[in-house]
């Protein structure tokens, strides 16, 4: 992004975005700006989209007196650019980005977080790792939820207990979340004060409205973001059982003694006991190259101990065995459910490539594309095994 001042009141902003993607063929360039046209369909068959994005951008730029320029070389990437003339309203400098970020991080470190000891929560998911994740996240809010691993079990619990909020996974075998909720509503099992929130690893635009039509009160995407979870809790829990406290859990510890005995090395950084040191980060990156530690910590409350629990759970071979069994039995429906779960659990520990492979195979199963499943299943399983081996090596260091 760059620009130049045209006069005392007008600034011309120049925006360039360059990618290293597959690029665009010369013969396809005219299609780029047409609504509902998707380029290179065969190559991009696993990428969701409507073909409206570029057309909408062009329309918006046209309304602002500009247009989108595109140059591309097929196989190497594309560059998109536009210029906008903007009226200068305030000449006050934005300031130093690094200083702003530091201030923002310091604010977050001391931010208030929600606690609700008396909240009655039920979490429903057929995947035990997902249940451990939401249970672990809620502990931060001093909430101990009831857990159910099936729609039927959740119905039985809801018959016996009142819940402020029920977090319900949808893609479960035997009885889906939607089917479970319909039974709960039909049989008048739920109180009018109970809110049911869909847990989904497939949250896209427009899905909230679909879930509302199915009887849900809201939805929460997986992997679960802590701030989004707290927003749901604040929105639906009764005000009288909610309080807010300053997060003072992070305690600063002294550098380990062995660091002081190594004068030729940088001293161990002073961090909380539940945070990765620079040295630990380096070892993690070397041992688990297929895991993005920053992504993993994002979904694990920036807690080293919680992430280690999730990594330990992820190494359980039974999940991989179930996926293989569904593949061998040509059970496409169950295969879809299992790889759908893998999509979110792998992303929650930062295994981005594995998550993408699971997403592609979930879509193939949804479309009943057995040929694509057969072609890519081996890659999924070998990547899954590789990630598990890396984690095991790290945990047994």
Protein backbone atom coordinates (compact mmCIF):
# COMPACT_ATOMS: atom_id res chain seq x y z
CA UNK A 1 0.00 0.00 0.00
CA UNK A 2 1.33 3.41 -0.94
CA UNK A 3 0.06 6.80 -2.07
CA UNK A 4 0.66 10.44 -2.83
CA UNK A 5 -0.88 13.77 -1.90
CA UNK A 6 -2.63 15.41 -4.85
CA UNK A 7 -3.45 18.68 -3.12
CA UNK A 8 -4.06 19.98 0.36
CA UNK A 9 -7.31 18.06 0.78
CA UNK A 10 -6.95 14.96 -1.44
CA UNK A 11 -4.80 11.86 -1.13
CA UNK A 12 -4.45 9.16 -3.80
CA UNK A 13 -4.17 5.72 -2.24
CA UNK A 14 -2.55 2.91 -4.23
CA UNK A 15 -3.33 -0.68 -3.16
CA UNK A 16 -1.52 -3.72 -4.60
CA UNK A 17 -2.15 -7.34 -3.61
CA UNK A 18 0.15 -10.02 -5.03
CA UNK A 19 -0.23 -13.77 -4.59
CA UNK A 20 1.76 -16.85 -5.56
CA UNK A 21 -1.26 -18.95 -6.43
CA UNK A 22 -2.08 -20.83 -9.62
CA UNK A 23 -2.62 -17.68 -11.65
CA UNK A 24 -5.17 -17.04 -14.40
CA UNK A 25 -5.06 -18.13 -18.03
CA UNK A 26 -5.26 -15.31 -20.58
CA UNK A 27 -8.40 -16.84 -22.11
CA UNK A 28 -10.09 -16.85 -18.67
CA UNK A 29 -9.38 -13.22 -17.84
CA UNK A 30 -12.73 -11.98 -19.23
CA UNK A 31 -14.62 -14.40 -16.98
CA UNK A 32 -12.97 -12.96 -13.88
CA UNK A 33 -15.37 -10.03 -13.58
CA UNK A 34 -18.53 -11.93 -14.46
CA UNK A 35 -20.98 -12.91 -11.72
CA UNK A 36 -21.27 -16.63 -10.88
CA UNK A 37 -18.22 -17.50 -12.98
CA UNK A 38 -15.53 -19.62 -11.33
CA UNK A 39 -12.21 -20.03 -13.11
CA UNK A 40 -10.40 -23.34 -13.58
CA UNK A 41 -13.22 -25.37 -12.01
CA UNK A 42 -11.46 -28.71 -12.34
CA UNK A 43 -8.35 -27.54 -10.53
CA UNK A 44 -10.33 -25.68 -7.86
CA UNK A 45 -13.10 -28.22 -7.35
CA UNK A 46 -12.42 -28.49 -3.60
CA UNK A 47 -12.47 -24.72 -3.02
CA UNK A 48 -15.88 -23.37 -2.05
CA UNK A 49 -17.15 -20.18 -3.66
CA UNK A 50 -19.88 -18.59 -5.74
CA UNK A 51 -17.86 -16.63 -8.29
CA UNK A 52 -19.22 -13.33 -6.96
CA UNK A 53 -16.20 -11.99 -5.06
CA UNK A 54 -14.34 -10.17 -7.84
CA UNK A 55 -17.57 -8.94 -9.42
CA UNK A 56 -18.66 -7.39 -6.11
CA UNK A 57 -15.24 -5.78 -5.58
CA UNK A 58 -15.36 -4.28 -9.06
CA UNK A 59 -18.85 -2.90 -8.42
CA UNK A 60 -17.80 -1.32 -5.13
CA UNK A 61 -14.72 0.25 -6.69
CA UNK A 62 -16.83 1.58 -9.56
CA UNK A 63 -19.11 3.29 -7.04
CA UNK A 64 -16.01 4.97 -5.59
CA UNK A 65 -14.72 6.09 -8.99
CA UNK A 66 -12.08 3.43 -9.40
CA UNK A 67 -11.60 -0.01 -10.95
CA UNK A 68 -9.71 -3.23 -10.32
CA UNK A 69 -6.64 -3.90 -12.47
CA UNK A 70 -5.34 -7.48 -12.86
CA UNK A 71 -2.13 -8.92 -14.23
CA UNK A 72 -1.41 -12.63 -14.04
CA UNK A 73 0.93 -15.36 -15.23
CA UNK A 74 -0.62 -18.81 -15.17
CA UNK A 75 1.20 -21.12 -12.80
CA UNK A 76 3.03 -18.30 -11.00
CA UNK A 77 0.43 -15.97 -9.50
CA UNK A 78 -1.53 -12.76 -9.94
CA UNK A 79 -1.44 -9.11 -8.93
CA UNK A 80 -4.58 -7.08 -8.19
CA UNK A 81 -4.41 -3.31 -7.80
CA UNK A 82 -6.54 -0.19 -7.62
CA UNK A 83 -6.25 3.51 -6.77
CA UNK A 84 -8.67 5.57 -4.71
CA UNK A 85 -8.81 9.31 -4.24
CA UNK A 86 -9.73 10.11 -0.65
CA UNK A 87 -10.54 13.34 1.08
CA UNK A 88 -8.19 14.10 3.98
CA UNK A 89 -10.28 14.52 7.14
CA UNK A 90 -7.62 14.37 9.84
CA UNK A 91 -3.87 14.77 9.44
CA UNK A 92 -3.04 13.34 12.85
CA UNK A 93 -0.45 10.53 12.34
CA UNK A 94 -1.73 7.05 13.10
CA UNK A 95 1.39 6.44 15.15
CA UNK A 96 3.83 3.62 15.64
CA UNK A 97 2.23 0.23 14.92
CA UNK A 98 4.58 -1.66 17.26
CA UNK A 99 3.74 0.66 20.15
CA UNK A 100 0.02 0.28 19.47
CA UNK A 101 0.38 -3.52 19.42
CA UNK A 102 2.34 -3.49 22.67
CA UNK A 103 -0.34 -1.40 24.35
CA UNK A 104 -3.05 -3.67 22.95
CA UNK A 105 -1.26 -6.79 24.21
CA UNK A 106 -0.82 -5.25 27.66
CA UNK A 107 -4.53 -4.42 27.74
CA UNK A 108 -5.43 -8.00 26.82
CA UNK A 109 -3.08 -9.38 29.46
CA UNK A 110 -5.07 -7.56 32.15
CA UNK A 111 -8.51 -7.86 30.56
CA UNK A 112 -11.54 -8.89 32.50
CA UNK A 113 -12.92 -12.34 31.96
CA UNK A 114 -16.29 -13.82 32.73
CA UNK A 115 -16.91 -16.21 35.61
CA UNK A 116 -20.15 -18.05 36.31
CA UNK A 117 -19.67 -20.71 38.97
CA UNK A 118 -23.37 -21.56 39.14
CA UNK A 119 -23.94 -21.83 35.40
CA UNK A 120 -25.54 -25.05 34.23
CA UNK A 121 -23.95 -26.08 30.93
CA UNK A 122 -24.25 -29.24 28.84
CA UNK A 123 -21.78 -29.96 26.01
CA UNK A 124 -22.72 -32.61 23.44
CA UNK A 125 -20.19 -34.08 21.00
CA UNK A 126 -19.35 -37.62 19.90
CA UNK A 127 -15.64 -36.73 19.79
CA UNK A 128 -13.98 -36.96 23.20
CA UNK A 129 -11.27 -34.49 22.24
CA UNK A 130 -13.86 -31.83 21.40
CA UNK A 131 -15.49 -32.45 24.78
CA UNK A 132 -12.13 -32.02 26.51
CA UNK A 133 -11.57 -28.78 24.63
CA UNK A 134 -14.85 -27.12 25.59
CA UNK A 135 -14.62 -28.48 29.13
CA UNK A 136 -11.10 -27.09 29.47
CA UNK A 137 -12.11 -23.72 28.06
CA UNK A 138 -15.08 -23.42 30.42
CA UNK A 139 -12.88 -24.14 33.44
CA UNK A 140 -11.34 -20.71 32.88
CA UNK A 141 -14.81 -19.30 33.50
CA UNK A 142 -15.10 -21.46 36.65
CA UNK A 143 -17.77 -23.55 34.93
CA UNK A 144 -17.84 -27.35 35.17
CA UNK A 145 -20.13 -28.61 32.38
CA UNK A 146 -21.98 -31.89 32.04
CA UNK A 147 -20.78 -33.87 29.02
CA UNK A 148 -22.65 -36.13 26.61
CA UNK A 149 -21.12 -38.11 23.73
CA UNK A 150 -24.36 -38.70 21.81
CA UNK A 151 -27.72 -37.16 21.09
CA UNK A 152 -29.50 -39.84 23.10
CA UNK A 153 -27.32 -39.30 26.17
CA UNK A 154 -27.95 -35.54 25.98
CA UNK A 155 -31.72 -36.16 25.88
CA UNK A 156 -31.50 -38.28 29.02
CA UNK A 157 -29.46 -35.65 30.83
CA UNK A 158 -31.81 -32.85 29.73
CA UNK A 159 -34.77 -34.81 31.12
CA UNK A 160 -33.14 -34.91 34.56
CA UNK A 161 -31.42 -31.52 34.73
CA UNK A 162 -32.01 -27.87 33.89
CA UNK A 163 -29.36 -26.22 31.70
CA UNK A 164 -28.82 -22.54 30.97
CA UNK A 165 -26.98 -23.41 27.74
CA UNK A 166 -26.58 -26.61 25.72
CA UNK A 167 -23.70 -26.67 23.25
CA UNK A 168 -24.71 -29.23 20.62
CA UNK A 169 -22.52 -30.72 17.89
CA UNK A 170 -24.44 -31.50 14.71
CA UNK A 171 -22.49 -34.19 12.85
CA UNK A 172 -22.90 -37.16 15.18
CA UNK A 173 -23.63 -40.78 14.21
CA UNK A 174 -27.09 -42.30 14.78
CA UNK A 175 -28.68 -38.99 15.81
CA UNK A 176 -27.47 -35.61 14.55
CA UNK A 177 -27.62 -32.42 16.58
CA UNK A 178 -30.56 -31.15 14.52
CA UNK A 179 -32.46 -34.41 15.06
CA UNK A 180 -31.66 -34.35 18.78
CA UNK A 181 -32.94 -30.81 19.21
CA UNK A 182 -36.16 -31.58 17.33
CA UNK A 183 -36.87 -34.42 19.77
CA UNK A 184 -36.11 -32.16 22.73
CA UNK A 185 -38.48 -29.51 21.38
CA UNK A 186 -41.17 -32.02 20.40
CA UNK A 187 -41.20 -33.76 23.76
CA UNK A 188 -40.98 -30.45 25.65
CA UNK A 189 -37.83 -31.58 27.45
CA UNK A 190 -36.23 -28.13 27.50
CA UNK A 191 -37.12 -25.15 29.65
CA UNK A 192 -38.04 -21.92 27.88
CA UNK A 193 -34.96 -20.45 29.57
CA UNK A 194 -32.57 -23.00 28.04
CA UNK A 195 -30.57 -21.78 25.04
CA UNK A 196 -29.23 -24.32 22.57
CA UNK A 197 -26.11 -23.36 20.63
CA UNK A 198 -24.95 -25.29 17.60
CA UNK A 199 -21.29 -26.36 17.62
CA UNK A 200 -20.09 -26.56 14.05
CA UNK A 201 -16.81 -26.92 12.19
CA UNK A 202 -18.50 -25.68 9.02
CA UNK A 203 -19.56 -22.15 9.91
CA UNK A 204 -20.02 -20.11 6.74
CA UNK A 205 -22.06 -17.06 5.83
CA UNK A 206 -25.78 -17.67 6.14
CA UNK A 207 -25.46 -20.74 8.39
CA UNK A 208 -26.64 -18.87 11.49
CA UNK A 209 -29.99 -18.24 9.84
CA UNK A 210 -30.27 -21.91 8.84
CA UNK A 211 -29.57 -23.05 12.39
CA UNK A 212 -32.11 -20.56 13.76
CA UNK A 213 -34.70 -22.06 11.42
CA UNK A 214 -33.84 -25.50 12.81
CA UNK A 215 -34.63 -24.29 16.33
CA UNK A 216 -31.16 -23.35 17.61
CA UNK A 217 -30.64 -20.06 19.42
CA UNK A 218 -27.13 -19.44 18.06
CA UNK A 219 -24.00 -21.17 16.81
CA UNK A 220 -20.35 -21.39 17.79
CA UNK A 221 -17.71 -22.41 15.28
CA UNK A 222 -15.03 -25.05 15.91
CA UNK A 223 -12.21 -24.87 16.77
CA UNK A 224 -13.65 -22.74 19.56
CA UNK A 225 -12.28 -19.23 19.98
CA UNK A 226 -12.17 -18.19 23.66
CA UNK A 227 -13.55 -14.70 23.01
CA UNK A 228 -16.46 -16.09 20.97
CA UNK A 229 -17.26 -18.60 23.70
CA UNK A 230 -17.28 -15.88 26.35
CA UNK A 231 -19.52 -13.73 24.14
CA UNK A 232 -22.05 -16.58 24.01
CA UNK A 233 -21.86 -17.03 27.79
CA UNK A 234 -22.32 -13.32 28.44
CA UNK A 235 -25.23 -13.14 25.99
CA UNK A 236 -27.25 -16.09 27.29
CA UNK A 237 -26.38 -16.65 30.97
CA UNK A 238 -28.58 -14.84 33.51
CA UNK A 239 -26.91 -11.61 34.64
CA UNK A 240 -27.30 -12.53 38.31
CA UNK A 241 -24.94 -15.54 38.04
CA UNK A 242 -22.29 -13.76 35.95
CA UNK A 243 -19.39 -11.71 37.26
CA UNK A 244 -16.23 -10.29 35.69
CA UNK A 245 -12.76 -10.50 37.15
CA UNK A 246 -9.31 -9.35 36.10
CA UNK A 247 -7.27 -12.23 34.71
CA UNK A 248 -4.45 -12.43 37.20
CA UNK A 249 -3.60 -16.06 36.73
CA UNK A 250 -0.31 -15.49 34.92
CA UNK A 251 2.51 -15.48 37.46
CA UNK A 252 6.01 -14.44 36.54
CA UNK A 253 8.69 -16.96 37.42
CA UNK A 254 12.43 -16.57 37.76
CA UNK A 255 14.68 -17.92 34.99
CA UNK A 256 15.64 -21.57 35.55
CA UNK A 257 18.88 -22.05 37.47
CA UNK A 258 20.51 -23.88 34.56
CA UNK A 259 20.11 -20.78 32.37
CA UNK A 260 22.40 -18.81 34.72
CA UNK A 261 25.06 -21.52 34.34
CA UNK A 262 25.27 -21.00 30.57
CA UNK A 263 26.95 -17.59 30.11
CA UNK A 264 27.58 -18.25 26.41
CA UNK A 265 23.84 -18.49 25.71
CA UNK A 266 21.02 -15.98 25.95
CA UNK A 267 19.40 -16.11 29.42
CA UNK A 268 16.08 -17.91 29.64
CA UNK A 269 13.31 -15.33 29.18
CA UNK A 270 11.16 -14.55 32.18
CA UNK A 271 7.68 -15.83 31.36
CA UNK A 272 4.74 -17.36 33.16
CA UNK A 273 5.00 -21.01 34.09
CA UNK A 274 2.22 -21.82 31.63
CA UNK A 275 3.90 -20.14 28.65
CA UNK A 276 6.39 -21.50 26.13
CA UNK A 277 9.86 -20.00 26.45
CA UNK A 278 11.83 -19.15 23.34
CA UNK A 279 13.93 -22.26 23.80
CA UNK A 280 10.82 -24.43 24.16
CA UNK A 281 9.31 -22.89 21.04
CA UNK A 282 12.44 -23.71 19.08
CA UNK A 283 12.41 -27.33 20.25
CA UNK A 284 8.69 -27.63 19.44
CA UNK A 285 9.26 -26.27 15.92
CA UNK A 286 12.11 -28.72 15.35
CA UNK A 287 10.18 -31.71 16.72
CA UNK A 288 6.72 -30.90 15.30
CA UNK A 289 7.31 -29.08 11.98
CA UNK A 290 3.76 -29.88 10.80
CA UNK A 291 2.16 -28.04 13.72
CA UNK A 292 1.76 -24.27 13.90
CA UNK A 293 2.31 -23.50 17.58
CA UNK A 294 0.74 -20.03 17.39
CA UNK A 295 -2.46 -21.45 15.90
CA UNK A 296 -2.53 -24.20 18.53
CA UNK A 297 -2.12 -21.74 21.40
CA UNK A 298 -4.83 -19.53 19.96
CA UNK A 299 -7.35 -22.34 20.44
CA UNK A 300 -5.88 -23.47 23.76
CA UNK A 301 -6.13 -20.21 25.72
CA UNK A 302 -2.40 -19.54 25.21
CA UNK A 303 -1.90 -22.22 27.84
CA UNK A 304 1.04 -24.60 27.51
CA UNK A 305 -0.45 -27.09 29.97
CA UNK A 306 -3.81 -27.18 28.20
CA UNK A 307 -2.15 -27.61 24.80
CA UNK A 308 -0.10 -30.52 26.15
CA UNK A 309 -3.33 -32.18 27.28
CA UNK A 310 -4.81 -31.74 23.80
CA UNK A 311 -1.67 -33.08 22.13
CA UNK A 312 -1.75 -36.15 24.37
CA UNK A 313 -5.38 -36.80 23.50
CA UNK A 314 -4.69 -36.30 19.80
CA UNK A 315 -2.17 -39.14 19.72
CA UNK A 316 -4.88 -41.73 20.51
CA UNK A 317 -4.72 -44.20 17.62
CA UNK A 318 -8.39 -45.19 17.95
CA UNK A 319 -9.57 -42.18 15.93
CA UNK A 320 -7.36 -43.08 13.00
CA UNK A 321 -8.53 -46.68 13.24
CA UNK A 322 -12.18 -45.61 13.07
CA UNK A 323 -11.53 -43.54 9.94
CA UNK A 324 -9.75 -46.48 8.31
CA UNK A 325 -12.58 -48.85 9.27
CA UNK A 326 -15.18 -46.54 7.70
CA UNK A 327 -13.05 -46.32 4.55
CA UNK A 328 -12.59 -50.10 4.34
CA UNK A 329 -16.33 -50.65 4.82
CA UNK A 330 -17.15 -48.01 2.18
CA UNK A 331 -19.28 -46.31 4.86
CA UNK A 332 -19.32 -42.84 3.29
CA UNK A 333 -21.76 -41.31 5.79
CA UNK A 334 -19.71 -42.30 8.84
CA UNK A 335 -16.49 -41.45 7.01
CA UNK A 336 -17.81 -37.91 6.49
CA UNK A 337 -18.62 -37.55 10.19
CA UNK A 338 -15.17 -38.78 11.25
CA UNK A 339 -13.12 -36.61 8.89
CA UNK A 340 -15.37 -33.66 9.79
CA UNK A 341 -14.32 -34.15 13.41
CA UNK A 342 -10.67 -34.51 12.39
CA UNK A 343 -10.90 -31.21 10.50
CA UNK A 344 -11.59 -29.25 13.69
CA UNK A 345 -9.52 -31.27 16.18
CA UNK A 346 -6.41 -31.11 14.00
CA UNK A 347 -6.78 -27.34 13.56
CA UNK A 348 -7.25 -26.93 17.32
CA UNK A 349 -3.69 -28.25 17.79
CA UNK A 350 -2.30 -26.28 14.85
CA UNK A 351 -2.01 -29.14 12.31
CA UNK A 352 -3.15 -26.97 9.41
CA UNK A 353 -2.25 -29.26 6.51
CA UNK A 354 -3.99 -32.21 8.11
CA UNK A 355 -7.07 -30.07 8.74
CA UNK A 356 -7.18 -29.01 5.07
CA UNK A 357 -6.88 -32.63 3.89
CA UNK A 358 -9.72 -33.63 6.20
CA UNK A 359 -11.81 -30.74 4.90
CA UNK A 360 -11.29 -31.86 1.28
CA UNK A 361 -12.28 -35.43 2.09
CA UNK A 362 -15.31 -34.28 4.09
CA UNK A 363 -16.49 -32.40 1.00
CA UNK A 364 -15.81 -35.44 -1.19
CA UNK A 365 -17.85 -37.62 1.16
CA UNK A 366 -20.63 -35.05 1.27
CA UNK A 367 -20.76 -35.17 -2.54
CA UNK A 368 -20.52 -38.99 -2.46
CA UNK A 369 -17.38 -38.78 -4.58
CA UNK A 370 -15.91 -42.22 -3.87
CA UNK A 371 -13.16 -41.84 -6.48
CA UNK A 372 -11.75 -38.74 -4.82
CA UNK A 373 -11.97 -40.39 -1.40
CA UNK A 374 -9.99 -43.39 -2.68
CA UNK A 375 -7.43 -41.15 -4.36
CA UNK A 376 -6.75 -38.89 -1.33
CA UNK A 377 -7.44 -41.17 1.64
CA UNK A 378 -3.89 -42.52 1.74
CA UNK A 379 -2.44 -39.00 1.88
CA UNK A 380 -4.79 -38.13 4.75
CA UNK A 381 -3.82 -41.18 6.78
CA UNK A 382 -0.09 -40.85 6.20
CA UNK A 383 -0.21 -37.16 7.20
CA UNK A 384 -2.30 -38.06 10.25
CA UNK A 385 0.24 -40.70 11.28
CA UNK A 386 3.13 -38.31 10.68
CA UNK A 387 1.61 -35.64 12.92
CA UNK A 388 0.91 -38.18 15.66
CA UNK A 389 4.50 -39.46 15.47
CA UNK A 390 5.84 -35.91 15.79
CA UNK A 391 3.66 -35.25 18.82
CA UNK A 392 4.68 -38.52 20.48
CA UNK A 393 8.34 -37.67 19.95
CA UNK A 394 7.81 -34.23 21.47
CA UNK A 395 5.85 -35.52 24.47
CA UNK A 396 8.44 -38.18 25.26
CA UNK A 397 11.40 -35.80 24.99
